[in-house]
Protein backbone atom coordinates (compact mmCIF):
# COMPACT_ATOMS: atom_id res chain seq x y z
CA MET A 1 -8.59 148.21 14.18
CA VAL A 2 -11.53 145.34 14.65
CA THR A 3 -15.09 145.95 14.91
CA ARG A 4 -18.17 143.96 14.38
CA ARG A 5 -21.20 146.34 13.70
CA ASN A 6 -23.43 143.80 11.79
CA LEU A 7 -23.22 140.74 13.85
CA ILE A 8 -26.27 138.63 13.29
CA LEU A 9 -26.65 136.86 16.68
CA GLY A 10 -28.93 134.05 18.01
CA ILE A 11 -30.48 133.89 21.41
CA GLY A 12 -31.15 130.17 21.59
CA GLY A 13 -34.91 130.52 20.75
CA THR A 14 -37.53 132.04 18.64
CA LEU A 15 -37.88 135.61 18.91
CA ALA A 16 -40.89 136.68 20.87
CA LEU A 17 -43.76 139.01 19.51
CA VAL A 18 -43.48 142.42 21.05
CA GLY A 19 -46.81 143.77 22.26
CA ALA A 20 -48.50 146.97 20.81
CA GLY A 21 -47.37 148.90 23.94
CA ALA A 22 -43.61 148.11 23.39
CA ALA A 23 -43.75 148.08 19.30
CA TRP A 24 -42.50 151.63 18.96
CA ARG A 25 -39.03 150.56 20.44
CA VAL A 26 -38.36 148.37 17.43
CA THR A 27 -38.30 151.41 15.15
CA GLN A 28 -36.08 153.49 17.78
CA ALA A 29 -32.51 154.70 16.92
CA PRO A 30 -29.84 155.93 19.03
CA GLN A 31 -29.74 159.78 19.60
CA ARG A 32 -27.24 160.78 22.15
CA ALA A 33 -24.54 158.49 21.00
CA TYR A 34 -24.32 160.37 17.74
CA GLU A 35 -24.33 163.89 19.12
CA PRO A 36 -20.58 164.29 18.92
CA TRP A 37 -20.68 163.96 15.09
CA LYS A 38 -22.84 167.01 14.79
CA ALA A 39 -21.13 170.02 13.28
CA VAL A 40 -21.54 173.03 16.00
CA ASP A 41 -19.77 176.15 16.24
CA GLY A 42 -16.50 175.96 18.39
CA SER A 43 -15.09 179.20 17.72
CA ASN A 44 -15.66 180.45 21.39
CA LEU A 45 -14.34 177.23 23.06
CA ASP A 46 -10.80 176.88 24.27
CA PRO A 47 -8.64 175.70 21.23
CA ARG A 48 -7.74 172.53 22.79
CA LEU A 49 -11.16 171.62 23.54
CA ASP A 50 -12.15 172.55 20.18
CA ALA A 51 -9.35 170.26 18.90
CA PHE A 52 -10.35 167.26 21.16
CA ARG A 53 -14.17 167.46 19.92
CA HIS A 54 -12.69 166.39 16.61
CA ALA A 55 -10.13 164.18 18.08
CA ILE A 56 -12.69 161.89 20.01
CA LEU A 57 -14.26 160.96 16.54
CA ALA A 58 -10.86 159.08 15.82
CA PRO A 59 -11.20 155.29 14.44
CA ASN A 60 -9.91 152.88 17.23
CA PRO A 61 -10.07 149.27 18.04
CA HIS A 62 -13.36 147.87 19.01
CA ASN A 63 -14.49 151.54 19.38
CA MET A 64 -13.27 151.34 22.98
CA GLN A 65 -12.27 155.16 22.93
CA PRO A 66 -9.62 154.60 25.64
CA TRP A 67 -8.28 158.27 25.75
CA LYS A 68 -8.22 160.30 28.81
CA ILE A 69 -7.52 164.00 28.39
CA ARG A 70 -6.18 166.27 31.10
CA LEU A 71 -5.95 170.09 30.40
CA ILE A 72 -2.37 171.68 31.73
CA GLY A 73 -2.15 175.30 32.06
CA THR A 74 -3.30 177.38 29.17
CA ASP A 75 -1.97 175.58 26.11
CA GLN A 76 -1.01 172.28 26.92
CA ALA A 77 -2.64 168.67 27.52
CA GLU A 78 -1.90 165.36 28.65
CA ILE A 79 -3.43 162.26 26.83
CA SER A 80 -3.39 159.05 28.84
CA CYS A 81 -5.07 155.54 28.56
CA ASP A 82 -7.97 154.24 30.33
CA LEU A 83 -6.48 150.88 30.93
CA ASP A 84 -9.85 149.15 31.40
CA ARG A 85 -10.51 149.91 27.71
CA ARG A 86 -7.63 147.66 26.43
CA LEU A 87 -8.23 144.41 24.33
CA PRO A 88 -5.99 141.90 25.90
CA LYS A 89 -7.00 138.89 24.04
CA THR A 90 -6.84 140.06 20.58
CA ASP A 91 -4.30 143.03 21.23
CA PRO A 92 -2.08 141.47 23.90
CA PHE A 93 0.66 144.09 23.50
CA ASP A 94 -1.45 147.19 22.89
CA ARG A 95 -0.38 147.71 19.48
CA GLN A 96 -3.56 148.50 17.92
CA ILE A 97 -4.69 150.67 20.90
CA VAL A 98 -1.61 152.84 20.58
CA ILE A 99 -2.54 153.05 16.87
CA GLY A 100 -5.72 154.30 17.89
CA PHE A 101 -3.89 157.12 19.84
CA GLY A 102 -2.03 158.07 16.98
CA CYS A 103 -5.49 158.67 14.75
CA PHE A 104 -6.72 160.69 18.11
CA ILE A 105 -3.42 162.70 18.20
CA GLU A 106 -3.51 163.57 14.46
CA LEU A 107 -7.09 164.48 14.20
CA ALA A 108 -6.45 166.75 17.13
CA GLY A 109 -3.55 168.61 15.41
CA ILE A 110 -5.59 168.77 12.12
CA ALA A 111 -8.56 170.32 13.77
CA ALA A 112 -6.15 172.81 15.84
CA SER A 113 -4.72 173.99 12.54
CA ARG A 114 -8.34 175.52 11.99
CA ARG A 115 -7.71 177.92 14.76
CA GLY A 116 -4.03 178.69 13.50
CA MET A 117 -2.45 176.62 16.13
CA ARG A 118 0.32 174.33 15.57
CA MET A 119 0.26 171.23 17.82
CA GLU A 120 3.70 169.86 19.31
CA VAL A 121 3.71 166.41 20.40
CA ASP A 122 5.84 164.79 22.88
CA ALA A 123 5.26 161.26 22.73
CA PHE A 124 5.55 159.00 25.80
CA PRO A 125 7.40 161.63 27.58
CA ASP A 126 7.86 159.70 30.71
CA GLY A 127 8.58 156.47 29.03
CA ALA A 128 6.43 153.87 27.21
CA GLY A 129 4.81 150.79 28.95
CA GLU A 130 6.24 147.60 27.25
CA PRO A 131 4.91 144.98 26.63
CA ARG A 132 1.77 146.59 27.93
CA LEU A 133 0.53 150.42 28.39
CA ASP A 134 0.69 151.58 31.84
CA SER A 135 -0.83 154.75 33.57
CA ARG A 136 2.07 156.97 32.16
CA PRO A 137 1.18 159.59 29.53
CA VAL A 138 0.88 158.42 25.94
CA ALA A 139 1.59 161.96 24.89
CA ARG A 140 1.83 165.53 26.06
CA LEU A 141 0.57 168.21 23.57
CA ARG A 142 1.51 171.92 23.40
CA PHE A 143 -0.92 174.18 21.07
CA VAL A 144 1.19 177.01 19.82
CA ALA A 145 -0.32 179.82 17.97
CA GLN A 146 1.16 180.43 14.53
CA PRO A 147 -0.07 183.50 12.76
CA GLY A 148 -0.51 182.54 8.82
CA LEU A 149 -0.79 178.86 9.61
CA ALA A 150 -2.99 177.49 6.79
CA ALA A 151 -5.63 175.07 7.89
CA ASP A 152 -4.99 171.46 7.05
CA GLN A 153 -7.43 170.57 4.03
CA LEU A 154 -8.45 167.32 5.71
CA ALA A 155 -10.04 169.21 8.49
CA ALA A 156 -13.19 169.76 6.24
CA VAL A 157 -13.98 166.07 6.15
CA ILE A 158 -13.26 165.15 9.74
CA ARG A 159 -17.01 164.57 10.48
CA ASP A 160 -17.41 162.74 7.15
CA ARG A 161 -15.04 160.17 8.00
CA ARG A 162 -16.39 156.72 8.25
CA SER A 163 -15.13 152.90 8.64
CA ALA A 164 -17.17 151.62 5.57
CA LYS A 165 -17.64 148.01 6.53
CA VAL A 166 -19.95 147.45 3.55
CA PRO A 167 -19.66 145.78 0.17
CA TYR A 168 -17.75 147.69 -2.53
CA ASP A 169 -18.31 148.27 -6.11
CA LEU A 170 -16.22 145.76 -7.81
CA ALA A 171 -16.88 147.45 -11.33
CA ARG A 172 -15.27 150.65 -10.07
CA PRO A 173 -11.67 149.84 -9.20
CA VAL A 174 -9.63 152.69 -7.39
CA THR A 175 -7.43 154.47 -10.13
CA ALA A 176 -3.88 154.57 -9.96
CA GLU A 177 -4.12 158.31 -9.79
CA ASN A 178 -6.18 157.89 -6.61
CA LEU A 179 -3.97 155.45 -5.25
CA ALA A 180 -1.16 157.95 -5.63
CA ILE A 181 -3.25 160.49 -3.66
CA LEU A 182 -4.04 157.96 -0.91
CA GLY A 183 -0.09 157.36 -0.85
CA GLY A 184 0.23 161.02 0.68
CA ALA A 185 -0.51 159.39 3.88
CA ALA A 186 2.92 158.29 4.29
CA SER A 187 5.62 159.40 6.60
CA ASP A 188 9.15 158.96 7.43
CA ARG A 189 8.10 156.09 9.56
CA ILE A 190 5.43 154.73 7.61
CA ARG A 191 5.18 153.13 4.19
CA PHE A 192 2.03 152.98 2.23
CA GLU A 193 1.28 150.31 -0.48
CA HIS A 194 -1.52 148.57 -2.35
CA THR A 195 -2.45 145.55 -4.17
CA ARG A 196 -0.86 145.45 -7.67
CA SER A 197 -2.56 142.43 -9.28
CA GLU A 198 -6.03 140.48 -9.18
CA PRO A 199 -3.99 137.61 -7.70
CA GLU A 200 -2.82 139.63 -4.85
CA VAL A 201 -6.39 140.85 -4.23
CA ARG A 202 -7.65 137.03 -4.21
CA ALA A 203 -5.03 136.30 -1.75
CA LEU A 204 -5.80 139.06 0.63
CA ARG A 205 -9.66 138.35 0.36
CA ASP A 206 -8.84 134.80 1.45
CA LEU A 207 -6.61 135.67 4.36
CA ALA A 208 -9.32 138.19 5.62
CA THR A 209 -11.84 135.63 5.55
CA ALA A 210 -9.70 132.98 7.31
CA ALA A 211 -8.39 135.41 10.05
CA PHE A 212 -12.17 136.37 10.74
CA ALA A 213 -13.14 132.82 10.77
CA LEU A 214 -10.31 132.14 13.35
CA GLU A 215 -10.97 135.09 15.54
CA ALA A 216 -14.87 134.31 15.63
CA GLY A 217 -14.13 130.62 16.20
CA THR A 218 -11.74 131.13 19.15
CA PRO A 219 -13.46 131.41 22.41
CA HIS A 220 -11.48 133.96 24.30
CA THR A 221 -11.27 136.13 21.21
CA LEU A 222 -14.90 136.04 20.26
CA GLY A 223 -15.51 136.64 23.99
CA GLU A 224 -13.80 139.86 23.89
CA SER A 225 -16.10 141.27 21.09
CA ILE A 226 -19.15 139.86 22.89
CA ASP A 227 -18.36 141.36 26.18
CA VAL A 228 -18.55 144.95 24.36
CA LEU A 229 -21.69 144.40 22.45
CA ARG A 230 -24.19 147.33 22.81
CA VAL A 231 -27.58 146.03 22.01
CA GLY A 232 -30.47 148.37 20.74
CA SER A 233 -30.63 152.22 20.80
CA ARG A 234 -31.16 152.39 24.67
CA GLU A 235 -27.97 150.71 25.44
CA ILE A 236 -26.18 152.37 22.95
CA ASP A 237 -27.08 155.69 24.13
CA ALA A 238 -26.17 154.76 27.51
CA ASN A 239 -22.73 153.09 26.85
CA PRO A 240 -21.76 154.67 23.33
CA ASP A 241 -18.64 152.74 22.83
CA GLY A 242 -17.71 149.03 21.95
CA ILE A 243 -19.73 147.28 19.21
CA PRO A 244 -23.19 148.80 18.52
CA LEU A 245 -25.98 146.54 17.31
CA THR A 246 -29.00 148.74 15.68
CA GLY A 247 -31.93 148.02 13.84
CA PRO A 248 -35.51 146.39 14.27
CA LEU A 249 -34.18 143.08 15.03
CA PHE A 250 -31.80 144.13 17.63
CA GLU A 251 -34.30 146.75 19.23
CA ALA A 252 -36.71 143.80 19.55
CA LEU A 253 -34.05 141.57 21.12
CA SER A 254 -33.09 144.19 23.33
CA LEU A 255 -36.64 143.94 24.99
CA LEU A 256 -35.75 140.24 25.85
CA GLY A 257 -32.58 141.49 27.71
CA ALA A 258 -29.27 142.65 26.17
CA ASP A 259 -27.51 140.17 28.59
CA ARG A 260 -29.24 137.25 27.08
CA VAL A 261 -28.22 138.26 23.46
CA ARG A 262 -24.46 138.56 24.53
CA GLU A 263 -24.75 135.08 26.28
CA GLY A 264 -26.45 133.49 23.11
CA ALA A 265 -23.55 134.89 21.11
CA ARG A 266 -20.54 133.45 22.86
CA ASP A 267 -20.73 129.95 21.22
CA PRO A 268 -18.22 129.71 18.26
CA GLN A 269 -20.01 126.39 17.12
CA ALA A 270 -23.40 128.29 17.01
CA SER A 271 -25.18 128.58 13.52
CA SER A 272 -25.10 132.32 14.22
CA THR A 273 -21.25 132.34 14.36
CA LYS A 274 -21.49 130.49 11.11
CA ASN A 275 -23.60 132.81 9.40
CA GLN A 276 -21.68 135.69 10.49
CA ILE A 277 -18.53 134.27 9.04
CA GLU A 278 -20.11 133.49 5.78
CA LYS A 279 -21.44 137.09 5.72
CA TYR A 280 -18.12 138.41 6.19
CA ARG A 281 -16.75 136.11 3.47
CA GLN A 282 -19.17 137.81 1.20
CA LEU A 283 -18.23 141.21 2.13
CA PHE A 284 -14.47 140.38 1.66
CA GLU A 285 -15.19 139.12 -1.79
CA ALA A 286 -16.60 142.45 -2.54
CA THR A 287 -13.34 144.29 -2.36
CA PRO A 288 -11.48 145.67 -5.36
CA GLY A 289 -8.50 146.25 -3.68
CA PHE A 290 -6.39 146.61 -0.32
CA VAL A 291 -4.01 149.09 1.09
CA TRP A 292 -1.71 148.80 3.94
CA LEU A 293 0.69 150.61 6.10
CA THR A 294 3.99 149.34 7.00
CA GLY A 295 6.03 150.63 9.83
CA LEU A 296 9.97 150.70 9.39
CA GLY A 297 10.07 149.52 12.82
CA ASN A 298 7.47 148.55 15.69
CA SER A 299 8.46 151.07 18.63
CA ARG A 300 5.77 152.60 20.31
CA SER A 301 6.63 155.67 18.52
CA HIS A 302 6.03 153.71 15.13
CA GLN A 303 2.81 152.61 16.41
CA LEU A 304 1.78 156.22 17.05
CA ALA A 305 3.07 157.20 13.58
CA ALA A 306 0.96 154.32 12.02
CA GLY A 307 -2.08 155.67 13.46
CA ARG A 308 -1.29 159.25 12.29
CA SER A 309 -0.86 157.96 9.06
CA TYR A 310 -3.95 155.72 9.10
CA VAL A 311 -6.61 158.58 9.82
CA ARG A 312 -4.85 160.86 7.06
CA LEU A 313 -5.42 157.77 4.85
CA ASN A 314 -8.86 157.44 5.91
CA LEU A 315 -9.59 161.32 5.43
CA LEU A 316 -7.79 161.24 2.11
CA ALA A 317 -10.28 158.41 1.08
CA THR A 318 -13.18 160.25 2.16
CA GLN A 319 -12.11 163.38 -0.04
CA LEU A 320 -11.98 161.11 -2.93
CA GLY A 321 -15.40 159.44 -2.34
CA LEU A 322 -13.92 156.31 -1.42
CA GLY A 323 -14.74 153.82 1.55
CA LEU A 324 -12.08 152.34 3.73
CA HIS A 325 -12.59 149.36 6.10
CA PRO A 326 -9.61 148.34 8.31
CA VAL A 327 -9.47 144.47 8.37
CA SER A 328 -6.66 143.79 10.82
CA GLN A 329 -7.69 140.57 12.26
CA ALA A 330 -4.65 138.71 10.59
CA LEU A 331 -2.26 141.43 12.22
CA GLN A 332 -3.17 140.44 15.71
CA GLU A 333 -0.45 138.83 17.90
CA TYR A 334 -1.97 136.22 19.90
CA PRO A 335 -0.75 132.33 19.46
CA GLU A 336 -3.60 131.10 17.37
CA MET A 337 -3.11 133.72 14.78
CA ALA A 338 0.51 133.05 14.27
CA ALA A 339 0.32 131.28 11.02
CA LEU A 340 -2.10 133.94 9.54
CA PHE A 341 0.15 136.69 11.01
CA ALA A 342 3.20 135.39 9.06
CA GLU A 343 1.26 135.11 5.84
CA SER A 344 0.00 138.64 6.07
CA ARG A 345 3.55 139.85 6.16
CA ARG A 346 4.32 137.71 3.11
CA LEU A 347 1.69 138.80 1.06
CA CYS A 348 2.10 142.42 1.92
CA ARG A 349 6.06 142.35 1.26
CA VAL A 350 6.90 143.11 4.60
CA GLY A 351 10.79 143.29 5.41
CA LEU A 352 12.70 141.49 8.41
CA ASP A 353 12.81 144.50 10.59
CA GLU A 354 9.45 146.07 9.56
CA THR A 355 5.90 145.60 10.88
CA LEU A 356 2.53 145.42 9.10
CA GLN A 357 0.63 148.12 11.16
CA MET A 358 -2.62 148.44 9.27
CA LEU A 359 -4.53 146.79 6.55
CA ALA A 360 -7.84 147.90 5.05
CA ARG A 361 -10.18 147.47 2.19
CA VAL A 362 -10.72 150.10 -0.18
CA GLY A 363 -13.29 150.95 -3.04
CA TYR A 364 -16.55 152.77 -3.88
CA ALA A 365 -19.33 152.08 -1.43
CA ASN A 366 -22.57 153.32 -0.28
CA PRO A 367 -22.72 155.97 2.54
CA VAL A 368 -22.67 154.46 6.06
CA PRO A 369 -23.70 156.22 9.31
CA PRO A 370 -20.99 157.11 12.02
CA ALA A 371 -20.31 154.80 15.04
CA PRO A 372 -21.43 155.90 18.78
CA ARG A 373 -18.94 158.25 20.74
CA TRP A 374 -18.70 159.50 24.13
CA PRO A 375 -19.01 163.16 24.62
CA LEU A 376 -15.86 165.02 25.19
CA GLU A 377 -16.78 165.92 28.60
CA ALA A 378 -16.79 162.17 29.53
CA LYS A 379 -13.13 161.85 28.47
CA LEU A 380 -12.06 165.04 30.29
CA ILE A 381 -10.05 164.47 33.75
CA ARG A 382 -10.92 167.34 35.86
CA ALA A 383 -8.54 168.79 38.43
């Protein structure tokens, strides 16, 4: 699940000074884009809508939010993929997109438990698109009232969950006790593992840096990220998906035109790209440990299971006061990444018939803001 929240971009010239009349824009922050994260009473909502208003907060690659939701009857829903929101350059087989759907489905089930509802999942009921997803549903969900059902304890931290793309405290390694708790995210299809020594940590830091540099230095994969940059609060509020660029610098740059910012960021040889690679190298160096999820296969069902386990891992980390940051560049399956893809499997002890589904940094970090989200209404398919 790859994002670039903090890209530092050049636009080929010196930033013009903004006039006094526009200076207020420099200090603006997105407003509508963060509304879905606010806690509001949903007890009067249809239980399905109550579940989905939590599910739309799921982590997903490039924050593309590809879910489409169609309510069926009084107790069912069909979830499908907005095919225009896939990432064919970095995710050519839609594996990471499917993992994002697993995160969505798991959050819906966790949230439904608060209303005494058990959620039954029929994955790919009409068949799974291979090698790419198609218009067939990813899942059909049925919400079943179950008297006495206890709410999943992870429901309490859904709105606190973040992807913490910041330096971690090297003086506070994650304890064996907490790693054991994180291991509760595993399932019968997904194995949880973690780094066991400093040499393993160093090797994965180097791998993460090399994979980030390769993606940023490859024109077609870099371009896929640039296409979904959202520059400044006005553009983020209008299109609360993709990769948000916030703060005074980007508010000022947005006055010059977001398209100009995007075009200036497309050159893999630009100093801004090199600066960004160095920034992330330093970020990866500030990593006390890594965790990963290995699928016991790589079917669409295994990929969904990986997403369900990953979001539980993220929520468990949140409960423990830990930060989690997916660094899955080396797991991408485009040709230029093949050597690092193989190295990631070796370093993470992946068996011949297994698939490394998710890799993430873990550690103690300062709080970070949420990512922008479309409101639930934007994802509903109306009859």
